Each structure stands twice: as structure tokens, then as C-alpha cells.
C-alpha atoms as a PDB file:
ATOM      1  CA  MET A   1       0.000   0.000   0.000  1.00  0.00           C
ATOM      2  CA  LYS A   2       1.307   3.423  -0.965  1.00  0.00           C
ATOM      3  CA  LYS A   3       2.101   5.618   2.018  1.00  0.00           C
ATOM      4  CA  LYS A   4       0.110   8.859   2.134  1.00  0.00           C
ATOM      5  CA  THR A   5       1.972  12.157   2.133  1.00  0.00           C
ATOM      6  CA  PRO A   6       1.494  13.833   5.550  1.00  0.00           C
ATOM      7  CA  LYS A   7      -0.254  17.186   5.765  1.00  0.00           C
ATOM      8  CA  LEU A   8       1.622  20.211   7.123  1.00  0.00           C
ATOM      9  CA  TYR A   9      -1.224  21.798   9.043  1.00  0.00           C
ATOM     10  CA  CYS A  10       1.034  24.191  10.966  1.00  0.00           C
ATOM     11  CA  LEU A  11       2.255  25.685   7.676  1.00  0.00           C
ATOM     12  CA  GLU A  12      -0.771  25.375   5.439  1.00  0.00           C
ATOM     13  CA  GLN A  13      -3.487  26.025   8.055  1.00  0.00           C
ATOM     14  CA  PRO A  14      -1.626  27.725  10.927  1.00  0.00           C
ATOM     15  CA  LYS A  15      -4.746  29.165  12.569  1.00  0.00           C
ATOM     16  CA  SER A  16      -6.826  25.995  12.295  1.00  0.00           C
ATOM     17  CA  SER A  17      -7.844  23.793  15.207  1.00  0.00           C
ATOM     18  CA  ASN A  18      -5.402  21.178  13.910  1.00  0.00           C
ATOM     19  CA  GLY A  19      -2.548  23.685  14.112  1.00  0.00           C
ATOM     20  CA  ASP A  20      -3.546  24.625  17.647  1.00  0.00           C
ATOM     21  CA  GLN A  21      -3.562  20.981  18.699  1.00  0.00           C
ATOM     22  CA  PHE A  22       0.079  20.574  17.692  1.00  0.00           C
ATOM     23  CA  ARG A  23       1.002  23.650  19.732  1.00  0.00           C
ATOM     24  CA  THR A  24      -0.769  22.095  22.697  1.00  0.00           C
ATOM     25  CA  ILE A  25       1.265  18.911  22.250  1.00  0.00           C
ATOM     26  CA  ARG A  26       4.395  21.073  22.057  1.00  0.00           C
ATOM     27  CA  SER A  27       3.536  22.746  25.336  1.00  0.00           C
ATOM     28  CA  ASN A  28       2.685  19.465  27.035  1.00  0.00           C
ATOM     29  CA  ILE A  29       6.010  17.803  26.246  1.00  0.00           C
ATOM     30  CA  ARG A  30       8.319  20.795  26.472  1.00  0.00           C
ATOM     31  CA  TYR A  31       9.128  20.428  30.154  1.00  0.00           C
ATOM     32  CA  THR A  32       8.263  16.803  30.838  1.00  0.00           C
ATOM     33  CA  ARG A  33      11.908  16.021  31.530  1.00  0.00           C
ATOM     34  CA  VAL A  34      12.814  16.603  35.165  1.00  0.00           C
ATOM     35  CA  GLY A  35      15.557  19.209  35.421  1.00  0.00           C
ATOM     36  CA  GLY A  36      15.364  20.606  31.906  1.00  0.00           C
ATOM     37  CA  GLU A  37      13.750  20.840  28.514  1.00  0.00           C
ATOM     38  CA  ILE A  38      13.436  17.917  26.119  1.00  0.00           C
ATOM     39  CA  ARG A  39      15.960  18.542  23.332  1.00  0.00           C
ATOM     40  CA  SER A  40      15.610  15.346  21.318  1.00  0.00           C
ATOM     41  CA  LEU A  41      12.375  13.534  20.590  1.00  0.00           C
ATOM     42  CA  LEU A  42      11.490  10.365  18.689  1.00  0.00           C
ATOM     43  CA  VAL A  43       7.989  10.102  17.238  1.00  0.00           C
ATOM     44  CA  THR A  44       6.837   6.563  16.541  1.00  0.00           C
ATOM     45  CA  SER A  45       3.815   4.260  16.691  1.00  0.00           C
ATOM     46  CA  SER A  46       3.093   0.625  17.375  1.00  0.00           C
ATOM     47  CA  LEU A  47       1.961  -0.138  13.800  1.00  0.00           C
ATOM     48  CA  PRO A  48       2.274   1.577  10.400  1.00  0.00           C
ATOM     49  CA  ASP A  49      -0.323   4.074   9.172  1.00  0.00           C
ATOM     50  CA  GLU A  50      -1.131   5.637  12.546  1.00  0.00           C
ATOM     51  CA  GLY A  51      -0.127   9.158  11.482  1.00  0.00           C
ATOM     52  CA  LYS A  52       3.234   9.399  13.219  1.00  0.00           C
ATOM     53  CA  SER A  53       4.895  11.266  10.352  1.00  0.00           C
ATOM     54  CA  THR A  54       2.159  13.900  10.353  1.00  0.00           C
ATOM     55  CA  ILE A  55       2.623  14.361  14.097  1.00  0.00           C
ATOM     56  CA  ALA A  56       6.422  14.538  13.833  1.00  0.00           C
ATOM     57  CA  MET A  57       6.460  17.114  11.040  1.00  0.00           C
ATOM     58  CA  ASN A  58       3.828  19.424  12.469  1.00  0.00           C
ATOM     59  CA  LEU A  59       5.318  19.190  15.942  1.00  0.00           C
ATOM     60  CA  ALA A  60       8.715  20.208  14.543  1.00  0.00           C
ATOM     61  CA  ILE A  61       7.114  23.207  12.834  1.00  0.00           C
ATOM     62  CA  ALA A  62       5.324  24.162  16.041  1.00  0.00           C
ATOM     63  CA  MET A  63       8.583  23.942  17.994  1.00  0.00           C
ATOM     64  CA  ALA A  64      10.358  26.187  15.499  1.00  0.00           C
ATOM     65  CA  GLU A  65       7.632  28.798  16.021  1.00  0.00           C
ATOM     66  CA  THR A  66       9.027  29.404  19.508  1.00  0.00           C
ATOM     67  CA  GLY A  67      12.275  30.783  18.081  1.00  0.00           C
ATOM     68  CA  ARG A  68      14.353  27.649  18.517  1.00  0.00           C
ATOM     69  CA  THR A  69      16.427  25.966  15.833  1.00  0.00           C
ATOM     70  CA  VAL A  70      14.760  22.619  15.152  1.00  0.00           C
ATOM     71  CA  LEU A  71      16.087  19.762  13.035  1.00  0.00           C
ATOM     72  CA  LEU A  72      13.548  17.263  11.722  1.00  0.00           C
ATOM     73  CA  ILE A  73      15.218  13.975  10.777  1.00  0.00           C
ATOM     74  CA  ASP A  74      13.533  11.367   8.629  1.00  0.00           C
ATOM     75  CA  GLY A  75      14.774   8.273  10.425  1.00  0.00           C
ATOM     76  CA  ASP A  76      12.438   5.974   8.523  1.00  0.00           C
ATOM     77  CA  LEU A  77      14.928   4.549   6.047  1.00  0.00           C
ATOM     78  CA  ARG A  78      12.393   2.062   4.668  1.00  0.00           C
ATOM     79  CA  THR A  79       9.302   4.131   3.796  1.00  0.00           C
ATOM     80  CA  PRO A  80      10.362   7.796   4.118  1.00  0.00           C
ATOM     81  CA  THR A  81       7.832  10.603   3.598  1.00  0.00           C
ATOM     82  CA  VAL A  82       9.374  13.798   5.003  1.00  0.00           C
ATOM     83  CA  HIS A  83      10.913  14.816   1.678  1.00  0.00           C
ATOM     84  CA  LYS A  84       7.559  14.403  -0.061  1.00  0.00           C
ATOM     85  CA  ALA A  85       5.693  16.568   2.431  1.00  0.00           C
ATOM     86  CA  PHE A  86       8.230  19.406   2.155  1.00  0.00           C
ATOM     87  CA  ASP A  87       8.826  18.856  -1.570  1.00  0.00           C
ATOM     88  CA  LEU A  88      12.542  18.248  -1.085  1.00  0.00           C
ATOM     89  CA  PRO A  89      15.005  16.149  -3.101  1.00  0.00           C
ATOM     90  CA  ASN A  90      16.006  12.873  -1.488  1.00  0.00           C
ATOM     91  CA  TRP A  91      18.912  11.649  -3.572  1.00  0.00           C
ATOM     92  CA  VAL A  92      21.161  12.394  -0.591  1.00  0.00           C
ATOM     93  CA  GLY A  93      20.326  12.358   3.104  1.00  0.00           C
ATOM     94  CA  LEU A  94      20.849  10.431   6.328  1.00  0.00           C
ATOM     95  CA  SER A  95      21.660   7.107   4.685  1.00  0.00           C
ATOM     96  CA  SER A  96      24.265   8.591   2.344  1.00  0.00           C
ATOM     97  CA  ILE A  97      25.944  10.437   5.232  1.00  0.00           C
ATOM     98  CA  LEU A  98      26.202   7.198   7.195  1.00  0.00           C
ATOM     99  CA  VAL A  99      27.932   5.381   4.349  1.00  0.00           C
ATOM    100  CA  ASP A 100      30.404   8.261   4.010  1.00  0.00           C
ATOM    101  CA  GLN A 101      29.229   9.338   0.595  1.00  0.00           C
ATOM    102  CA  THR A 102      27.927  12.815   1.390  1.00  0.00           C
ATOM    103  CA  ARG A 103      28.815  15.786   3.598  1.00  0.00           C
ATOM    104  CA  LEU A 104      26.320  16.767   6.289  1.00  0.00           C
ATOM    105  CA  GLU A 105      26.182  20.329   4.943  1.00  0.00           C
ATOM    106  CA  ASP A 106      24.893  19.029   1.614  1.00  0.00           C
ATOM    107  CA  CYS A 107      21.981  17.170   3.194  1.00  0.00           C
ATOM    108  CA  ILE A 108      20.347  19.671   5.564  1.00  0.00           C
ATOM    109  CA  PHE A 109      17.615  21.863   4.121  1.00  0.00           C
ATOM    110  CA  SER A 110      16.351  25.126   5.569  1.00  0.00           C
ATOM    111  CA  ILE A 111      12.562  25.429   5.302  1.00  0.00           C
ATOM    112  CA  GLU A 112      11.791  28.858   3.894  1.00  0.00           C
ATOM    113  CA  ASP A 113       8.218  29.053   5.205  1.00  0.00           C
ATOM    114  CA  SER A 114       9.195  28.033   8.746  1.00  0.00           C
ATOM    115  CA  GLU A 115      12.010  30.105  10.216  1.00  0.00           C
ATOM    116  CA  GLY A 116      14.303  28.021  12.389  1.00  0.00           C
ATOM    117  CA  LEU A 117      13.215  24.683  10.935  1.00  0.00           C
ATOM    118  CA  PHE A 118      15.716  22.460   9.146  1.00  0.00           C
ATOM    119  CA  VAL A 119      15.209  19.030   7.599  1.00  0.00           C
ATOM    120  CA  LEU A 120      17.532  16.066   7.135  1.00  0.00           C
ATOM    121  CA  THR A 121      15.843  13.689   4.713  1.00  0.00           C
ATOM    122  CA  SER A 122      16.287   9.919   4.764  1.00  0.00           C
ATOM    123  CA  GLY A 123      18.406   9.677   1.656  1.00  0.00           C
ATOM    124  CA  PRO A 124      18.304   6.666  -0.688  1.00  0.00           C
ATOM    125  CA  ILE A 125      16.622   3.504   0.583  1.00  0.00           C
ATOM    126  CA  SER A 126      19.230   1.308   2.243  1.00  0.00           C
ATOM    127  CA  PRO A 127      19.339  -2.498   2.222  1.00  0.00           C
ATOM    128  CA  ASN A 128      20.456  -2.485   5.875  1.00  0.00           C
ATOM    129  CA  PRO A 129      18.740   0.390   7.760  1.00  0.00           C
ATOM    130  CA  ALA A 130      19.133  -1.129  11.235  1.00  0.00           C
ATOM    131  CA  ASP A 131      22.883  -1.526  10.759  1.00  0.00           C
ATOM    132  CA  LEU A 132      23.221   2.099   9.656  1.00  0.00           C
ATOM    133  CA  LEU A 133      21.091   3.482  12.499  1.00  0.00           C
ATOM    134  CA  GLY A 134      22.943   1.419  15.091  1.00  0.00           C
ATOM    135  CA  SER A 135      26.380   2.290  13.791  1.00  0.00           C
ATOM    136  CA  THR A 136      29.094   4.284  15.519  1.00  0.00           C
ATOM    137  CA  GLY A 137      28.767   6.807  12.700  1.00  0.00           C
ATOM    138  CA  MET A 138      25.125   7.433  13.616  1.00  0.00           C
ATOM    139  CA  LYS A 139      26.048   8.025  17.252  1.00  0.00           C
ATOM    140  CA  ARG A 140      28.745  10.510  16.221  1.00  0.00           C
ATOM    141  CA  LEU A 141      26.376  12.247  13.821  1.00  0.00           C
ATOM    142  CA  PHE A 142      23.641  12.542  16.423  1.00  0.00           C
ATOM    143  CA  ALA A 143      26.091  14.011  18.937  1.00  0.00           C
ATOM    144  CA  GLU A 144      27.210  16.599  16.368  1.00  0.00           C
ATOM    145  CA  LEU A 145      23.651  17.533  15.448  1.00  0.00           C
ATOM    146  CA  SER A 146      22.733  17.881  19.127  1.00  0.00           C
ATOM    147  CA  GLU A 147      25.419  20.543  19.428  1.00  0.00           C
ATOM    148  CA  ARG A 148      24.250  22.429  16.347  1.00  0.00           C
ATOM    149  CA  PHE A 149      20.486  22.518  16.952  1.00  0.00           C
ATOM    150  CA  ASP A 150      18.329  23.421  19.939  1.00  0.00           C
ATOM    151  CA  THR A 151      15.885  20.577  19.328  1.00  0.00           C
ATOM    152  CA  ILE A 152      15.891  17.396  17.242  1.00  0.00           C
ATOM    153  CA  VAL A 153      12.697  15.597  16.206  1.00  0.00           C
ATOM    154  CA  ILE A 154      13.026  12.175  14.566  1.00  0.00           C
ATOM    155  CA  ASP A 155      10.315  10.474  12.542  1.00  0.00           C
ATOM    156  CA  SER A 156      10.982   6.741  12.718  1.00  0.00           C
ATOM    157  CA  SER A 157       9.453   3.501  11.545  1.00  0.00           C
ATOM    158  CA  SER A 158       6.914   1.734  13.774  1.00  0.00           C
ATOM    159  CA  VAL A 159       7.900  -0.331  16.811  1.00  0.00           C
ATOM    160  CA  LEU A 160       6.019  -3.575  16.155  1.00  0.00           C
ATOM    161  CA  MET A 161       7.787  -4.370  12.917  1.00  0.00           C
ATOM    162  CA  PRO A 162      10.208  -7.220  12.118  1.00  0.00           C
ATOM    163  CA  PHE A 163      13.172  -4.872  12.517  1.00  0.00           C
ATOM    164  CA  SER A 164      14.633  -2.795  15.336  1.00  0.00           C
ATOM    165  CA  ASP A 165      15.008   0.653  13.731  1.00  0.00           C
ATOM    166  CA  ALA A 166      12.686   2.535  16.107  1.00  0.00           C
ATOM    167  CA  LEU A 167      14.159   0.886  19.204  1.00  0.00           C
ATOM    168  CA  ILE A 168      17.680   1.830  18.134  1.00  0.00           C
ATOM    169  CA  LEU A 169      16.749   5.479  17.633  1.00  0.00           C
ATOM    170  CA  ALA A 170      14.697   5.598  20.830  1.00  0.00           C
ATOM    171  CA  LYS A 171      17.808   4.923  22.908  1.00  0.00           C
ATOM    172  CA  MET A 172      19.524   8.008  21.469  1.00  0.00           C
ATOM    173  CA  THR A 173      16.798  10.513  22.256  1.00  0.00           C
ATOM    174  CA  GLU A 174      15.691  12.070  25.524  1.00  0.00           C
ATOM    175  CA  GLY A 175      12.051  11.197  24.973  1.00  0.00           C
ATOM    176  CA  VAL A 176       9.636   9.181  22.848  1.00  0.00           C
ATOM    177  CA  LEU A 177       6.142  10.178  21.766  1.00  0.00           C
ATOM    178  CA  LEU A 178       3.895   7.258  20.860  1.00  0.00           C
ATOM    179  CA  VAL A 179       1.200   7.959  18.263  1.00  0.00           C
ATOM    180  CA  VAL A 180      -1.968   5.855  18.505  1.00  0.00           C
ATOM    181  CA  LYS A 181      -4.574   5.762  15.730  1.00  0.00           C
ATOM    182  CA  SER A 182      -8.087   5.590  17.108  1.00  0.00           C
ATOM    183  CA  GLY A 183     -10.085   2.755  15.589  1.00  0.00           C
ATOM    184  CA  LYS A 184      -7.018   1.032  14.103  1.00  0.00           C
ATOM    185  CA  VAL A 185      -4.982  -0.663  16.830  1.00  0.00           C
ATOM    186  CA  LEU A 186      -5.693  -2.817  19.830  1.00  0.00           C
ATOM    187  CA  LEU A 187      -4.669  -1.687  23.293  1.00  0.00           C
ATOM    188  CA  LYS A 188      -2.393  -4.724  23.501  1.00  0.00           C
ATOM    189  CA  HIS A 189      -0.423  -3.467  20.486  1.00  0.00           C
ATOM    190  CA  THR A 190       0.134  -0.056  22.033  1.00  0.00           C
ATOM    191  CA  ASN A 191       1.027  -1.598  25.378  1.00  0.00           C
ATOM    192  CA  SER A 192       3.504  -3.961  23.710  1.00  0.00           C
ATOM    193  CA  ALA A 193       5.162  -1.058  21.896  1.00  0.00           C
ATOM    194  CA  LYS A 194       5.466   0.907  25.131  1.00  0.00           C
ATOM    195  CA  GLN A 195       6.991  -2.072  26.940  1.00  0.00           C
ATOM    196  CA  MET A 196       9.491  -2.725  24.151  1.00  0.00           C
ATOM    197  CA  LEU A 197      10.606   0.903  24.181  1.00  0.00           C
ATOM    198  CA  GLU A 198      11.024   0.942  27.945  1.00  0.00           C
ATOM    199  CA  GLN A 199      12.968  -2.326  27.893  1.00  0.00           C
ATOM    200  CA  GLN A 200      15.512  -0.535  25.693  1.00  0.00           C
ATOM    201  CA  GLY A 201      15.811   2.241  28.263  1.00  0.00           C
ATOM    202  CA  ALA A 202      13.721   4.742  26.293  1.00  0.00           C
ATOM    203  CA  HIS A 203      11.812   7.459  28.144  1.00  0.00           C
ATOM    204  CA  VAL A 204       8.237   7.286  26.862  1.00  0.00           C
ATOM    205  CA  LEU A 205       6.882  10.776  27.477  1.00  0.00           C
ATOM    206  CA  GLY A 206       3.303  10.004  26.520  1.00  0.00           C
ATOM    207  CA  ALA A 207       0.963   9.252  23.676  1.00  0.00           C
ATOM    208  CA  VAL A 208      -1.148  11.110  21.142  1.00  0.00           C
ATOM    209  CA  LEU A 209      -4.535   9.697  20.165  1.00  0.00           C
ATOM    210  CA  ASN A 210      -4.817  10.381  16.450  1.00  0.00           C
ATOM    211  CA  TYR A 211      -7.864  10.314  14.130  1.00  0.00           C
ATOM    212  CA  ARG A 212     -10.303  10.201  17.004  1.00  0.00           C
ATOM    213  CA  LYS A 213     -13.650   9.106  15.567  1.00  0.00           C
ATOM    214  CA  SER A 214     -16.297   6.539  16.379  1.00  0.00           C
ATOM    215  CA  SER A 215     -14.326   3.311  16.458  1.00  0.00           C
ATOM    216  CA  LYS A 216     -14.958  -0.265  15.505  1.00  0.00           C
ATOM    217  CA  ARG A 217     -15.508  -2.740  18.240  1.00  0.00           C
ATOM    218  CA  TYR A 218     -12.343  -3.909  20.010  1.00  0.00           C
ATOM    219  CA  LYS A 219     -10.331  -1.002  18.615  1.00  0.00           C
ATOM    220  CA  ILE A 220      -9.057   1.872  20.732  1.00  0.00           C
ATOM    221  CA  ARG A 221     -11.699   4.459  21.530  1.00  0.00           C
ATOM    222  CA  GLY A 222     -11.092   7.758  23.271  1.00  0.00           C
ATOM    223  CA  GLU A 223     -12.436   6.631  26.644  1.00  0.00           C
ATOM    224  CA  ASP A 224     -10.514   3.342  26.448  1.00  0.00           C
ATOM    225  CA  PHE A 225      -7.328   5.200  25.599  1.00  0.00           C
ATOM    226  CA  ALA A 226      -7.747   7.615  28.495  1.00  0.00           C
ATOM    227  CA  ASP A 227      -8.098   4.723  30.943  1.00  0.00           C
ATOM    228  CA  TRP A 228      -5.126   2.890  29.433  1.00  0.00           C
ATOM    229  CA  ALA A 229      -2.897   5.979  29.384  1.00  0.00           C
ATOM    230  CA  SER A 230      -3.697   6.729  33.014  1.00  0.00           C
ATOM    231  CA  SER A 231      -3.014   3.162  34.155  1.00  0.00           C
ATOM    232  CA  SER A 232       0.174   3.041  32.081  1.00  0.00           C
ATOM    233  CA  GLY A 233       1.563   6.271  33.547  1.00  0.00           C
ATOM    234  CA  MET A 234       1.397   8.133  30.241  1.00  0.00           C
ATOM    235  CA  VAL A 235       0.249  11.701  29.678  1.00  0.00           C
END
């Protein structure tokens, strides 16, 4: 199934209720870390097609609105979408940096319509994404980027997939935001994703219930999610 291109509500409809919701999420997570502000954030989901890329991109835009320099990284090296949403080239990016084929300066794009926002696209699809993301080169790159930007937001692949990409990236960041699509996933899937992240030492900040509508039976509904989030210690 072809992956949909995420909508940039905070750029295209900045005064809409959708735009305001992303600013609320920004405010809710900004100081969730005891002793300081969250400076690196991974956005993921338990399963594909829950809207995590839309959340990651709009949240990065909302963060840049506060005057900070924000780098949005497309860490989904299997089905990337960030370059499509921002209409950017993707012949170089994260994957090409990690195989020592491209300079970092040639891969970071400044977003003209969002002052302070920069994007590092995924680069060409790699045959071994997990190896690249878990490499020493990735750790060095992330450390360098953390020095250059106030905040880093990473859009990753989903947790409950037959590969460890999201778990690898989660260990690098200061916090993880779990996106949950109402009416799509079971509570057990979301709970499993949360447990897997925490087993890797990730700090799960909370969850966002996306596409909240009347749900099919046995799927997550708003009231079910609220009860689960409270019992799971999530905001």
C-alpha cells in the first residue's frame, strides 16, 4: 500500500484547530523532563499508518515557532515521507551520510516558510537500515547535530515491525512520543510497543490519540485510551 503524504497543518493552516492541537502537544512535552527541557524527541507508533509522520512534522514546525532551531530527521529509512511533504530532493540524506558518501552540509535543508526549521531527509533507501542506524557513525552524527540545533525531532518507523530501527533510535533521544490511531490498533499493540521501548531504556513521554472518531468494536476508543494511558503512567 502506498504511504500517504502527511499534511503540514502548521504551515498550510496555521490558525486551524489542527494547528492549535500541535502547539498544545508542544507545550505538554516541552518540560516533561525533570531538570530541563526535552531537546531530542522520537515520534513513533506501534503499527504503520497511525499518522506518526504527520505528528512529527507538524510538531517540529510548532517547535520552530518558539524561536528555537529545530532539526527534523527522517529516520524511517524504509518508507520515508518527510521529503515528499516538504517537496525536497532525497537523492542524498541520512543514509548517504552514514555510508560516508555525502557531507552533512549538503543534506540539511532550511525550510523557507518556517524560520528556524531544518530538515535532514532519509536519503536513498538502504538495504540495511538497522545496521546504519545502530552504527558508531550514527552516534557521532547525532552528537554533532545535538550541538548544532536546539531541538531534534526524529520520525521513525513503527515499533512492532520485524526490525529494530525505532528501538535503536529511541535509545539516542531524551524522549519518545507514541502515536496511537483511534479505531485502528488494539490496546495490547500499544502496550507492547510501550513495553518494548522501555525495555531498551527509552523514556516514553506520553501518547497522542490520532484520528479520534467513532471506532470499531475492540479497537481503541477515546475513553478506552484515556483509561489505558492513566493506568500506564502516560500523559
